[in-house]
Amino acid sequence: MVSSEPRDPIGAEPELPASPGEAATIASPEATLEAIGEATAGAAAEAAFDRGETGGREPRGTDRQAALRALRNLEATEARLERNARREAEETRGKLVQELLPVLDNLDRTIRAAQGGRSDPALLEGVRMVRQQLEGVLRGYGVERIEALGQRFDPAVHEAIGMIAVDDPQRHGAVVHQAEPGYRMSGRLLRPARVSVGKLVAPPHSRPAPYWR
């Protein structure tokens, strides 16, 4: 009589029971989804930390150094822009002053001409007041007048326009006539003084007599 109960095949390994973790995974799909979500969130947080998105946490050393370099570059840029702005402002003031200097020269010439003639004293005084007012405005911009008359000739601040014979050795090489004064602004020369320089010439009686055969 043949038995109806199934028999194990020869050589077949017995089926082992599932491990507790596998059993829990198989038994609870919700737990599997939760574990996957936690792993994904952790990877995203780590990537954000690497990008510097620390969310209030202290950044890494490389990020701190990059921030310091960016701050130093910004400060250097601001300082350069400020220097350029100051230089442009000084150049603009210098150009304005140079345009006003001929006006001051003409007022000086007018005053000298009026002093030598028969001019209205009230008109002459008015011209003097205008000249003083203009000179005060220029002084407010840091303009300084260079008086060269009687000084030793200095090519750094004087422009020689001629030579004048002198018989005094003390006046040789000195400024004996000033056509136009010079001006400097904040230590920078705006215009040299236009002058004539003395040249020593021996008097006739001191010259050696010609030799005649």
N, C-alpha and C. Protein backbone atom coordinates (compact mmCIF):
# COMPACT_ATOMS: atom_id res chain seq x y z
N MET A 1 0.84 -1.19 0.00
CA MET A 1 0.00 0.00 0.00
C MET A 1 0.88 1.24 0.00
N VAL A 2 0.60 2.11 -0.92
CA VAL A 2 1.41 3.32 -1.08
C VAL A 2 0.93 4.41 -0.16
N SER A 3 1.92 5.00 0.57
CA SER A 3 1.54 6.05 1.52
C SER A 3 1.30 7.34 0.78
N SER A 4 0.29 8.11 1.19
CA SER A 4 -0.07 9.40 0.56
C SER A 4 0.71 10.58 1.12
N GLU A 5 1.51 10.42 2.17
CA GLU A 5 2.25 11.54 2.74
C GLU A 5 3.44 11.88 1.86
N PRO A 6 3.73 13.15 1.60
CA PRO A 6 4.88 13.53 0.76
C PRO A 6 6.17 13.27 1.49
N ARG A 7 7.16 12.85 0.73
CA ARG A 7 8.45 12.58 1.31
C ARG A 7 9.45 13.63 0.84
N ASP A 8 10.45 13.96 1.70
CA ASP A 8 11.48 14.93 1.32
C ASP A 8 12.35 14.33 0.26
N PRO A 9 12.69 15.08 -0.76
CA PRO A 9 13.58 14.54 -1.79
C PRO A 9 14.93 14.24 -1.22
N ILE A 10 15.58 13.33 -1.82
CA ILE A 10 16.88 12.91 -1.33
C ILE A 10 17.89 14.04 -1.57
N GLY A 11 18.66 14.37 -0.56
CA GLY A 11 19.69 15.42 -0.67
C GLY A 11 19.18 16.83 -0.52
N ALA A 12 17.91 17.06 -0.38
CA ALA A 12 17.37 18.43 -0.23
C ALA A 12 17.67 18.97 1.14
N GLU A 13 18.13 20.26 1.21
CA GLU A 13 18.42 20.89 2.49
C GLU A 13 17.14 21.33 3.14
N PRO A 14 17.06 21.19 4.40
CA PRO A 14 15.83 21.63 5.09
C PRO A 14 15.70 23.14 5.06
N GLU A 15 14.52 23.61 4.95
CA GLU A 15 14.23 25.06 4.89
C GLU A 15 14.43 25.66 6.25
N LEU A 16 15.30 26.74 6.30
CA LEU A 16 15.61 27.38 7.57
C LEU A 16 14.60 28.49 7.85
N PRO A 17 14.31 28.72 9.09
CA PRO A 17 13.37 29.79 9.43
C PRO A 17 14.00 31.16 9.17
N ALA A 18 13.22 32.15 8.85
CA ALA A 18 13.70 33.52 8.58
C ALA A 18 14.26 34.15 9.84
N SER A 19 15.29 35.04 9.62
CA SER A 19 15.89 35.75 10.77
C SER A 19 14.90 36.75 11.32
N PRO A 20 15.12 37.20 12.56
CA PRO A 20 14.16 38.17 13.14
C PRO A 20 14.06 39.45 12.32
N GLY A 21 15.22 39.96 11.75
CA GLY A 21 15.14 41.19 10.94
C GLY A 21 14.37 40.96 9.67
N GLU A 22 14.61 39.82 9.02
CA GLU A 22 13.88 39.51 7.79
C GLU A 22 12.42 39.29 8.07
N ALA A 23 12.17 38.70 9.18
CA ALA A 23 10.76 38.48 9.53
C ALA A 23 10.06 39.79 9.77
N ALA A 24 10.79 40.75 10.43
CA ALA A 24 10.16 42.05 10.68
C ALA A 24 9.94 42.80 9.39
N THR A 25 10.93 42.66 8.42
CA THR A 25 10.78 43.35 7.16
C THR A 25 9.63 42.78 6.37
N ILE A 26 9.57 41.56 6.37
CA ILE A 26 8.48 40.92 5.62
C ILE A 26 7.15 41.19 6.29
N ALA A 27 7.20 41.21 7.59
CA ALA A 27 5.93 41.36 8.30
C ALA A 27 5.47 42.81 8.33
N SER A 28 6.44 43.84 8.20
CA SER A 28 6.04 45.24 8.36
C SER A 28 6.61 46.08 7.21
N PRO A 29 5.91 46.30 6.13
CA PRO A 29 6.37 47.16 5.02
C PRO A 29 6.53 48.62 5.45
N GLU A 30 5.72 49.09 6.42
CA GLU A 30 5.84 50.46 6.88
C GLU A 30 7.21 50.72 7.50
N ALA A 31 7.74 49.76 8.22
CA ALA A 31 9.07 49.92 8.82
C ALA A 31 10.13 50.03 7.75
N THR A 32 9.96 49.28 6.66
CA THR A 32 10.93 49.36 5.58
C THR A 32 10.94 50.74 4.95
N LEU A 33 9.79 51.32 4.69
CA LEU A 33 9.69 52.65 4.11
C LEU A 33 10.28 53.71 5.03
N GLU A 34 10.05 53.57 6.34
CA GLU A 34 10.59 54.53 7.30
C GLU A 34 12.11 54.49 7.33
N ALA A 35 12.67 53.29 7.25
CA ALA A 35 14.13 53.16 7.25
C ALA A 35 14.73 53.80 6.00
N ILE A 36 14.10 53.59 4.85
CA ILE A 36 14.59 54.20 3.61
C ILE A 36 14.53 55.71 3.69
N GLY A 37 13.47 56.26 4.28
CA GLY A 37 13.34 57.71 4.42
C GLY A 37 14.40 58.29 5.32
N GLU A 38 14.70 57.61 6.42
CA GLU A 38 15.75 58.11 7.31
C GLU A 38 17.11 58.12 6.63
N ALA A 39 17.40 57.07 5.86
CA ALA A 39 18.69 57.02 5.15
C ALA A 39 18.80 58.13 4.13
N THR A 40 17.69 58.41 3.41
CA THR A 40 17.70 59.48 2.40
C THR A 40 17.89 60.85 3.05
N ALA A 41 17.22 61.09 4.17
CA ALA A 41 17.35 62.36 4.87
C ALA A 41 18.76 62.57 5.40
N GLY A 42 19.37 61.52 5.88
CA GLY A 42 20.74 61.64 6.37
C GLY A 42 21.72 61.98 5.27
N ALA A 43 21.54 61.34 4.09
CA ALA A 43 22.43 61.65 2.96
C ALA A 43 22.24 63.08 2.50
N ALA A 44 21.01 63.58 2.46
CA ALA A 44 20.75 64.96 2.04
C ALA A 44 21.35 65.96 3.03
N ALA A 45 21.28 65.66 4.32
CA ALA A 45 21.85 66.56 5.32
C ALA A 45 23.36 66.61 5.20
N GLU A 46 23.97 65.47 4.94
CA GLU A 46 25.42 65.46 4.78
C GLU A 46 25.84 66.25 3.55
N ALA A 47 25.10 66.13 2.45
CA ALA A 47 25.42 66.89 1.24
C ALA A 47 25.26 68.39 1.48
N ALA A 48 24.21 68.78 2.20
CA ALA A 48 24.02 70.19 2.51
C ALA A 48 25.14 70.73 3.39
N PHE A 49 25.63 69.91 4.30
CA PHE A 49 26.75 70.34 5.15
C PHE A 49 28.00 70.56 4.33
N ASP A 50 28.23 69.67 3.35
CA ASP A 50 29.40 69.83 2.48
C ASP A 50 29.30 71.10 1.65
N ARG A 51 28.09 71.51 1.26
CA ARG A 51 27.92 72.73 0.48
C ARG A 51 27.96 73.99 1.33
N GLY A 52 28.06 73.87 2.65
CA GLY A 52 28.08 75.04 3.52
C GLY A 52 26.72 75.40 4.06
N GLU A 53 25.69 74.68 3.71
CA GLU A 53 24.34 74.95 4.22
C GLU A 53 24.21 74.24 5.55
N THR A 54 24.77 74.89 6.56
CA THR A 54 24.92 74.21 7.85
C THR A 54 23.68 74.34 8.71
N GLY A 55 22.80 75.27 8.37
CA GLY A 55 21.59 75.42 9.18
C GLY A 55 21.88 75.83 10.60
N GLY A 56 22.85 76.73 10.79
CA GLY A 56 23.18 77.19 12.13
C GLY A 56 24.37 76.50 12.72
N ARG A 57 24.83 75.40 12.12
CA ARG A 57 26.00 74.73 12.62
C ARG A 57 27.26 75.40 12.10
N GLU A 58 28.37 75.21 12.76
CA GLU A 58 29.64 75.83 12.38
C GLU A 58 30.11 75.25 11.06
N PRO A 59 30.47 76.08 10.05
CA PRO A 59 30.92 75.55 8.77
C PRO A 59 32.28 74.92 8.91
N ARG A 60 32.64 74.18 7.89
CA ARG A 60 33.93 73.55 7.89
C ARG A 60 35.03 74.58 7.67
N GLY A 61 36.31 74.16 7.89
CA GLY A 61 37.42 75.08 7.80
C GLY A 61 37.58 75.70 6.43
N THR A 62 37.40 74.91 5.38
CA THR A 62 37.54 75.44 4.02
C THR A 62 36.49 76.50 3.73
N ASP A 63 35.28 76.30 4.22
CA ASP A 63 34.23 77.30 4.01
C ASP A 63 34.54 78.58 4.77
N ARG A 64 35.10 78.47 5.97
CA ARG A 64 35.44 79.67 6.75
C ARG A 64 36.56 80.45 6.05
N GLN A 65 37.56 79.76 5.52
CA GLN A 65 38.64 80.44 4.80
C GLN A 65 38.13 81.12 3.55
N ALA A 66 37.22 80.46 2.84
CA ALA A 66 36.66 81.08 1.64
C ALA A 66 35.88 82.34 1.99
N ALA A 67 35.14 82.30 3.10
CA ALA A 67 34.39 83.49 3.52
C ALA A 67 35.32 84.63 3.90
N LEU A 68 36.44 84.29 4.59
CA LEU A 68 37.40 85.34 4.96
C LEU A 68 38.05 85.94 3.73
N ARG A 69 38.39 85.11 2.75
CA ARG A 69 38.97 85.63 1.51
C ARG A 69 38.00 86.54 0.79
N ALA A 70 36.75 86.15 0.73
CA ALA A 70 35.74 86.99 0.08
C ALA A 70 35.59 88.32 0.81
N LEU A 71 35.65 88.30 2.14
CA LEU A 71 35.53 89.54 2.92
C LEU A 71 36.72 90.44 2.67
N ARG A 72 37.93 89.87 2.63
CA ARG A 72 39.12 90.68 2.36
C ARG A 72 39.08 91.28 0.95
N ASN A 73 38.62 90.50 -0.02
CA ASN A 73 38.50 91.03 -1.38
C ASN A 73 37.51 92.18 -1.44
N LEU A 74 36.41 92.05 -0.70
CA LEU A 74 35.40 93.12 -0.68
C LEU A 74 35.97 94.38 -0.05
N GLU A 75 36.72 94.24 1.05
CA GLU A 75 37.32 95.41 1.70
C GLU A 75 38.35 96.07 0.79
N ALA A 76 39.16 95.25 0.09
CA ALA A 76 40.15 95.81 -0.82
C ALA A 76 39.48 96.56 -1.97
N THR A 77 38.36 96.03 -2.46
CA THR A 77 37.64 96.70 -3.55
C THR A 77 37.06 98.04 -3.08
N GLU A 78 36.51 98.05 -1.88
CA GLU A 78 35.96 99.30 -1.35
C GLU A 78 37.06 100.35 -1.16
N ALA A 79 38.23 99.92 -0.64
CA ALA A 79 39.33 100.87 -0.46
C ALA A 79 39.83 101.41 -1.80
N ARG A 80 39.89 100.56 -2.81
CA ARG A 80 40.34 101.01 -4.14
C ARG A 80 39.35 102.00 -4.73
N LEU A 81 38.07 101.73 -4.59
CA LEU A 81 37.07 102.66 -5.11
C LEU A 81 37.12 104.00 -4.39
N GLU A 82 37.39 103.96 -3.09
CA GLU A 82 37.48 105.21 -2.33
C GLU A 82 38.69 106.02 -2.77
N ARG A 83 39.83 105.34 -3.01
CA ARG A 83 41.02 106.06 -3.49
C ARG A 83 40.78 106.66 -4.87
N ASN A 84 40.13 105.91 -5.73
CA ASN A 84 39.85 106.44 -7.08
C ASN A 84 38.93 107.65 -7.00
N ALA A 85 37.94 107.59 -6.10
CA ALA A 85 37.02 108.72 -5.96
C ALA A 85 37.75 109.96 -5.46
N ARG A 86 38.65 109.78 -4.48
CA ARG A 86 39.42 110.93 -3.98
C ARG A 86 40.32 111.51 -5.06
N ARG A 87 40.97 110.64 -5.84
CA ARG A 87 41.86 111.12 -6.89
C ARG A 87 41.08 111.87 -7.96
N GLU A 88 39.93 111.36 -8.34
CA GLU A 88 39.12 112.05 -9.34
C GLU A 88 38.63 113.40 -8.82
N ALA A 89 38.27 113.46 -7.53
CA ALA A 89 37.83 114.74 -6.96
C ALA A 89 38.97 115.75 -6.95
N GLU A 90 40.18 115.31 -6.60
CA GLU A 90 41.33 116.21 -6.60
C GLU A 90 41.65 116.70 -8.01
N GLU A 91 41.57 115.81 -8.99
CA GLU A 91 41.82 116.22 -10.37
C GLU A 91 40.79 117.23 -10.85
N THR A 92 39.53 117.03 -10.47
CA THR A 92 38.48 117.97 -10.86
C THR A 92 38.72 119.34 -10.23
N ARG A 93 39.07 119.38 -8.94
CA ARG A 93 39.36 120.66 -8.29
C ARG A 93 40.57 121.33 -8.92
N GLY A 94 41.60 120.52 -9.27
CA GLY A 94 42.78 121.10 -9.90
C GLY A 94 42.46 121.75 -11.23
N LYS A 95 41.62 121.10 -12.04
CA LYS A 95 41.24 121.68 -13.33
C LYS A 95 40.45 122.97 -13.14
N LEU A 96 39.56 123.00 -12.15
CA LEU A 96 38.79 124.21 -11.89
C LEU A 96 39.70 125.35 -11.46
N VAL A 97 40.66 125.07 -10.59
CA VAL A 97 41.57 126.11 -10.12
C VAL A 97 42.43 126.63 -11.27
N GLN A 98 42.90 125.76 -12.12
CA GLN A 98 43.72 126.19 -13.25
C GLN A 98 42.95 127.10 -14.21
N GLU A 99 41.65 126.89 -14.31
CA GLU A 99 40.84 127.78 -15.14
C GLU A 99 40.61 129.13 -14.49
N LEU A 100 40.69 129.19 -13.16
CA LEU A 100 40.47 130.46 -12.45
C LEU A 100 41.76 131.26 -12.29
N LEU A 101 42.91 130.64 -12.42
CA LEU A 101 44.17 131.37 -12.25
C LEU A 101 44.33 132.51 -13.24
N PRO A 102 44.01 132.34 -14.54
CA PRO A 102 44.12 133.50 -15.45
C PRO A 102 43.23 134.67 -15.05
N VAL A 103 42.08 134.39 -14.45
CA VAL A 103 41.21 135.48 -13.99
C VAL A 103 41.92 136.27 -12.89
N LEU A 104 42.57 135.55 -11.98
CA LEU A 104 43.31 136.23 -10.91
C LEU A 104 44.48 137.03 -11.49
N ASP A 105 45.15 136.50 -12.51
CA ASP A 105 46.25 137.24 -13.14
C ASP A 105 45.74 138.53 -13.77
N ASN A 106 44.61 138.48 -14.44
CA ASN A 106 44.06 139.69 -15.07
C ASN A 106 43.67 140.74 -14.03
N LEU A 107 43.16 140.30 -12.89
CA LEU A 107 42.85 141.25 -11.83
C LEU A 107 44.12 141.91 -11.31
N ASP A 108 45.19 141.13 -11.18
CA ASP A 108 46.46 141.72 -10.73
C ASP A 108 46.97 142.75 -11.74
N ARG A 109 46.87 142.43 -13.01
CA ARG A 109 47.32 143.39 -14.03
C ARG A 109 46.48 144.66 -14.01
N THR A 110 45.19 144.49 -13.81
CA THR A 110 44.30 145.65 -13.74
C THR A 110 44.66 146.55 -12.57
N ILE A 111 44.97 145.94 -11.42
CA ILE A 111 45.32 146.73 -10.24
C ILE A 111 46.64 147.46 -10.46
N ARG A 112 47.63 146.79 -11.06
CA ARG A 112 48.92 147.45 -11.31
C ARG A 112 48.76 148.60 -12.31
N ALA A 113 47.95 148.40 -13.33
CA ALA A 113 47.75 149.47 -14.31
C ALA A 113 47.00 150.65 -13.69
N ALA A 114 46.04 150.34 -12.81
CA ALA A 114 45.27 151.41 -12.20
C ALA A 114 46.11 152.20 -11.21
N GLN A 115 47.05 151.56 -10.55
CA GLN A 115 47.91 152.25 -9.60
C GLN A 115 48.85 153.24 -10.29
N GLY A 116 49.20 152.96 -11.53
CA GLY A 116 50.12 153.85 -12.24
C GLY A 116 49.42 154.96 -13.00
N GLY A 117 48.11 154.95 -13.05
CA GLY A 117 47.38 155.98 -13.79
C GLY A 117 46.42 156.73 -12.89
N ARG A 118 45.55 157.48 -13.55
CA ARG A 118 44.55 158.26 -12.82
C ARG A 118 43.22 157.53 -12.87
N SER A 119 43.11 156.54 -12.03
CA SER A 119 41.89 155.74 -11.97
C SER A 119 41.04 156.18 -10.80
N ASP A 120 39.78 155.81 -10.88
CA ASP A 120 38.85 156.13 -9.80
C ASP A 120 39.23 155.29 -8.58
N PRO A 121 39.52 155.92 -7.46
CA PRO A 121 39.92 155.15 -6.27
C PRO A 121 38.85 154.16 -5.83
N ALA A 122 37.58 154.55 -5.96
CA ALA A 122 36.52 153.63 -5.55
C ALA A 122 36.48 152.40 -6.46
N LEU A 123 36.69 152.60 -7.77
CA LEU A 123 36.72 151.48 -8.70
C LEU A 123 37.91 150.57 -8.43
N LEU A 124 39.07 151.17 -8.13
CA LEU A 124 40.25 150.39 -7.83
C LEU A 124 40.05 149.56 -6.56
N GLU A 125 39.42 150.16 -5.58
CA GLU A 125 39.15 149.41 -4.34
C GLU A 125 38.18 148.26 -4.60
N GLY A 126 37.21 148.47 -5.47
CA GLY A 126 36.27 147.40 -5.81
C GLY A 126 36.98 146.23 -6.50
N VAL A 127 37.93 146.55 -7.39
CA VAL A 127 38.69 145.49 -8.05
C VAL A 127 39.53 144.73 -7.04
N ARG A 128 40.11 145.44 -6.09
CA ARG A 128 40.90 144.78 -5.04
C ARG A 128 40.03 143.82 -4.23
N MET A 129 38.82 144.25 -3.92
CA MET A 129 37.94 143.41 -3.12
C MET A 129 37.56 142.14 -3.89
N VAL A 130 37.31 142.30 -5.20
CA VAL A 130 36.99 141.12 -6.02
C VAL A 130 38.18 140.17 -6.06
N ARG A 131 39.36 140.74 -6.20
CA ARG A 131 40.55 139.90 -6.24
C ARG A 131 40.75 139.15 -4.93
N GLN A 132 40.58 139.84 -3.80
CA GLN A 132 40.72 139.20 -2.50
C GLN A 132 39.68 138.09 -2.30
N GLN A 133 38.47 138.34 -2.79
CA GLN A 133 37.43 137.32 -2.66
C GLN A 133 37.79 136.06 -3.47
N LEU A 134 38.26 136.26 -4.70
CA LEU A 134 38.65 135.12 -5.52
C LEU A 134 39.84 134.38 -4.93
N GLU A 135 40.79 135.13 -4.41
CA GLU A 135 41.95 134.50 -3.79
C GLU A 135 41.54 133.70 -2.56
N GLY A 136 40.56 134.20 -1.80
CA GLY A 136 40.07 133.46 -0.64
C GLY A 136 39.39 132.16 -1.03
N VAL A 137 38.64 132.18 -2.14
CA VAL A 137 38.01 130.94 -2.61
C VAL A 137 39.07 129.92 -3.01
N LEU A 138 40.10 130.38 -3.72
CA LEU A 138 41.16 129.46 -4.12
C LEU A 138 41.92 128.93 -2.91
N ARG A 139 42.13 129.79 -1.92
CA ARG A 139 42.81 129.34 -0.71
C ARG A 139 42.00 128.27 0.00
N GLY A 140 40.69 128.38 -0.09
CA GLY A 140 39.84 127.35 0.51
C GLY A 140 40.00 125.99 -0.16
N TYR A 141 40.43 125.98 -1.41
CA TYR A 141 40.71 124.73 -2.12
C TYR A 141 42.12 124.24 -1.88
N GLY A 142 42.86 124.91 -1.01
CA GLY A 142 44.23 124.50 -0.72
C GLY A 142 45.26 125.08 -1.66
N VAL A 143 44.93 126.19 -2.35
CA VAL A 143 45.84 126.80 -3.30
C VAL A 143 46.79 127.75 -2.57
N GLU A 144 48.08 127.66 -2.90
CA GLU A 144 49.11 128.50 -2.29
C GLU A 144 49.87 129.23 -3.39
N ARG A 145 50.07 130.52 -3.20
CA ARG A 145 50.76 131.35 -4.17
C ARG A 145 52.28 131.23 -3.98
N ILE A 146 53.01 131.11 -5.07
CA ILE A 146 54.47 131.01 -5.03
C ILE A 146 55.05 132.35 -5.47
N GLU A 147 55.66 133.05 -4.54
CA GLU A 147 56.32 134.31 -4.85
C GLU A 147 57.79 134.03 -5.14
N ALA A 148 58.22 134.35 -6.36
CA ALA A 148 59.57 134.01 -6.78
C ALA A 148 60.52 135.18 -6.80
N LEU A 149 60.03 136.40 -6.74
CA LEU A 149 60.88 137.57 -6.89
C LEU A 149 61.92 137.62 -5.76
N GLY A 150 63.20 137.73 -6.16
CA GLY A 150 64.28 137.78 -5.19
C GLY A 150 64.78 136.42 -4.76
N GLN A 151 64.12 135.35 -5.15
CA GLN A 151 64.54 134.00 -4.78
C GLN A 151 65.54 133.45 -5.81
N ARG A 152 66.31 132.48 -5.37
CA ARG A 152 67.20 131.80 -6.30
C ARG A 152 66.38 131.01 -7.30
N PHE A 153 66.83 131.00 -8.53
CA PHE A 153 66.07 130.30 -9.56
C PHE A 153 66.03 128.80 -9.26
N ASP A 154 64.82 128.26 -9.25
CA ASP A 154 64.61 126.84 -8.98
C ASP A 154 63.77 126.27 -10.12
N PRO A 155 64.35 125.44 -10.99
CA PRO A 155 63.57 124.92 -12.12
C PRO A 155 62.40 124.06 -11.71
N ALA A 156 62.37 123.62 -10.45
CA ALA A 156 61.25 122.80 -10.01
C ALA A 156 59.97 123.62 -9.86
N VAL A 157 60.10 124.91 -9.56
CA VAL A 157 58.92 125.76 -9.34
C VAL A 157 58.94 127.02 -10.19
N HIS A 158 60.02 127.26 -10.94
CA HIS A 158 60.16 128.46 -11.76
C HIS A 158 60.31 128.09 -13.23
N GLU A 159 59.78 128.95 -14.07
CA GLU A 159 59.95 128.81 -15.52
C GLU A 159 60.63 130.08 -16.04
N ALA A 160 61.85 129.92 -16.52
CA ALA A 160 62.62 131.08 -17.00
C ALA A 160 62.12 131.49 -18.38
N ILE A 161 61.78 132.77 -18.52
CA ILE A 161 61.32 133.29 -19.81
C ILE A 161 62.31 134.30 -20.38
N GLY A 162 63.39 134.57 -19.64
CA GLY A 162 64.38 135.52 -20.14
C GLY A 162 65.50 135.71 -19.15
N MET A 163 66.53 136.42 -19.62
CA MET A 163 67.69 136.75 -18.79
C MET A 163 67.83 138.27 -18.75
N ILE A 164 68.22 138.80 -17.62
CA ILE A 164 68.42 140.23 -17.44
C ILE A 164 69.82 140.45 -16.89
N ALA A 165 70.57 141.36 -17.54
CA ALA A 165 71.95 141.63 -17.12
C ALA A 165 71.94 142.34 -15.77
N VAL A 166 72.79 141.89 -14.87
CA VAL A 166 72.93 142.50 -13.55
C VAL A 166 74.43 142.66 -13.28
N ASP A 167 74.77 143.69 -12.46
CA ASP A 167 76.16 143.92 -12.10
C ASP A 167 76.46 143.55 -10.66
N ASP A 168 75.44 143.03 -9.97
CA ASP A 168 75.62 142.60 -8.58
C ASP A 168 75.76 141.09 -8.54
N PRO A 169 76.87 140.58 -8.04
CA PRO A 169 77.03 139.12 -7.99
C PRO A 169 75.95 138.42 -7.17
N GLN A 170 75.37 139.12 -6.20
CA GLN A 170 74.34 138.52 -5.38
C GLN A 170 73.05 138.26 -6.18
N ARG A 171 72.86 139.01 -7.26
CA ARG A 171 71.65 138.84 -8.05
C ARG A 171 71.84 137.89 -9.23
N HIS A 172 73.06 137.42 -9.40
CA HIS A 172 73.32 136.47 -10.47
C HIS A 172 72.65 135.12 -10.14
N GLY A 173 71.82 134.65 -11.06
CA GLY A 173 71.10 133.40 -10.83
C GLY A 173 69.86 133.55 -9.99
N ALA A 174 69.50 134.77 -9.65
CA ALA A 174 68.30 135.03 -8.85
C ALA A 174 67.19 135.56 -9.75
N VAL A 175 65.98 135.47 -9.28
CA VAL A 175 64.82 135.97 -10.01
C VAL A 175 64.76 137.49 -9.81
N VAL A 176 64.89 138.23 -10.91
CA VAL A 176 64.87 139.70 -10.84
C VAL A 176 63.57 140.27 -11.38
N HIS A 177 62.76 139.44 -12.03
CA HIS A 177 61.46 139.91 -12.54
C HIS A 177 60.50 138.71 -12.58
N GLN A 178 59.29 138.96 -12.14
CA GLN A 178 58.25 137.92 -12.14
C GLN A 178 57.09 138.36 -13.02
N ALA A 179 56.90 137.66 -14.12
CA ALA A 179 55.79 137.99 -15.01
C ALA A 179 54.48 137.46 -14.48
N GLU A 180 54.49 136.23 -13.97
CA GLU A 180 53.30 135.61 -13.40
C GLU A 180 53.72 134.79 -12.19
N PRO A 181 52.97 134.87 -11.10
CA PRO A 181 53.31 134.04 -9.93
C PRO A 181 52.95 132.57 -10.19
N GLY A 182 53.58 131.70 -9.43
CA GLY A 182 53.26 130.29 -9.51
C GLY A 182 52.25 129.91 -8.43
N TYR A 183 51.66 128.75 -8.59
CA TYR A 183 50.67 128.28 -7.62
C TYR A 183 50.85 126.78 -7.42
N ARG A 184 50.67 126.36 -6.19
CA ARG A 184 50.63 124.94 -5.86
C ARG A 184 49.35 124.65 -5.09
N MET A 185 48.93 123.40 -5.16
CA MET A 185 47.68 122.99 -4.52
C MET A 185 47.91 121.69 -3.77
N SER A 186 47.76 121.76 -2.45
CA SER A 186 47.95 120.58 -1.59
C SER A 186 49.32 119.96 -1.82
N GLY A 187 50.33 120.82 -1.96
CA GLY A 187 51.69 120.34 -2.16
C GLY A 187 52.03 119.97 -3.59
N ARG A 188 51.07 120.03 -4.49
CA ARG A 188 51.31 119.68 -5.89
C ARG A 188 51.36 120.95 -6.73
N LEU A 189 52.41 121.06 -7.58
CA LEU A 189 52.58 122.26 -8.40
C LEU A 189 51.50 122.33 -9.47
N LEU A 190 50.76 123.44 -9.47
CA LEU A 190 49.75 123.66 -10.51
C LEU A 190 50.33 124.43 -11.68
N ARG A 191 51.14 125.45 -11.38
CA ARG A 191 51.72 126.28 -12.42
C ARG A 191 53.01 126.88 -11.91
N PRO A 192 54.11 126.76 -12.66
CA PRO A 192 55.36 127.39 -12.21
C PRO A 192 55.30 128.90 -12.41
N ALA A 193 56.09 129.59 -11.62
CA ALA A 193 56.18 131.04 -11.76
C ALA A 193 57.01 131.37 -13.00
N ARG A 194 56.51 132.27 -13.83
CA ARG A 194 57.21 132.68 -15.05
C ARG A 194 58.08 133.89 -14.70
N VAL A 195 59.40 133.70 -14.82
CA VAL A 195 60.34 134.68 -14.27
C VAL A 195 61.45 134.97 -15.27
N SER A 196 62.16 136.09 -14.98
CA SER A 196 63.40 136.42 -15.66
C SER A 196 64.53 136.34 -14.63
N VAL A 197 65.66 135.77 -15.07
CA VAL A 197 66.76 135.47 -14.15
C VAL A 197 67.92 136.43 -14.44
N GLY A 198 68.57 136.87 -13.37
CA GLY A 198 69.70 137.77 -13.50
C GLY A 198 70.95 137.06 -13.99
N LYS A 199 71.70 137.76 -14.85
CA LYS A 199 72.97 137.24 -15.37
C LYS A 199 74.03 138.29 -15.16
N LEU A 200 75.07 137.90 -14.46
CA LEU A 200 76.11 138.85 -14.10
C LEU A 200 76.90 139.28 -15.33
N VAL A 201 77.03 140.59 -15.48
CA VAL A 201 77.81 141.17 -16.58
C VAL A 201 78.84 142.12 -15.96
N ALA A 202 80.07 141.95 -16.33
CA ALA A 202 81.13 142.79 -15.76
C ALA A 202 80.98 144.22 -16.25
N PRO A 203 81.21 145.22 -15.40
CA PRO A 203 81.13 146.63 -15.84
C PRO A 203 82.21 146.94 -16.87
N PRO A 204 82.02 147.99 -17.69
CA PRO A 204 82.98 148.29 -18.77
C PRO A 204 84.38 148.57 -18.27
N HIS A 205 84.54 149.27 -17.13
CA HIS A 205 85.87 149.64 -16.67
C HIS A 205 86.68 148.46 -16.17
N SER A 206 85.98 147.35 -15.87
CA SER A 206 86.71 146.18 -15.37
C SER A 206 87.11 145.24 -16.46
N ARG A 207 86.71 145.52 -17.69
CA ARG A 207 87.08 144.65 -18.80
C ARG A 207 88.51 144.93 -19.22
N PRO A 208 89.21 143.91 -19.62
CA PRO A 208 90.61 144.13 -20.05
C PRO A 208 90.66 144.94 -21.34
N ALA A 209 91.66 145.84 -21.41
CA ALA A 209 91.82 146.68 -22.59
C ALA A 209 92.32 145.84 -23.77
N PRO A 210 91.87 146.14 -24.95
CA PRO A 210 92.31 145.36 -26.11
C PRO A 210 93.79 145.56 -26.38
N TYR A 211 94.44 144.56 -26.86
CA TYR A 211 95.87 144.62 -27.14
C TYR A 211 96.08 145.04 -28.59
N TRP A 212 96.82 146.13 -28.78
CA TRP A 212 97.11 146.62 -30.13
C TRP A 212 98.59 146.48 -30.41
N ARG A 213 98.90 145.99 -31.57
CA ARG A 213 100.29 145.87 -31.97
C ARG A 213 100.77 147.21 -32.51
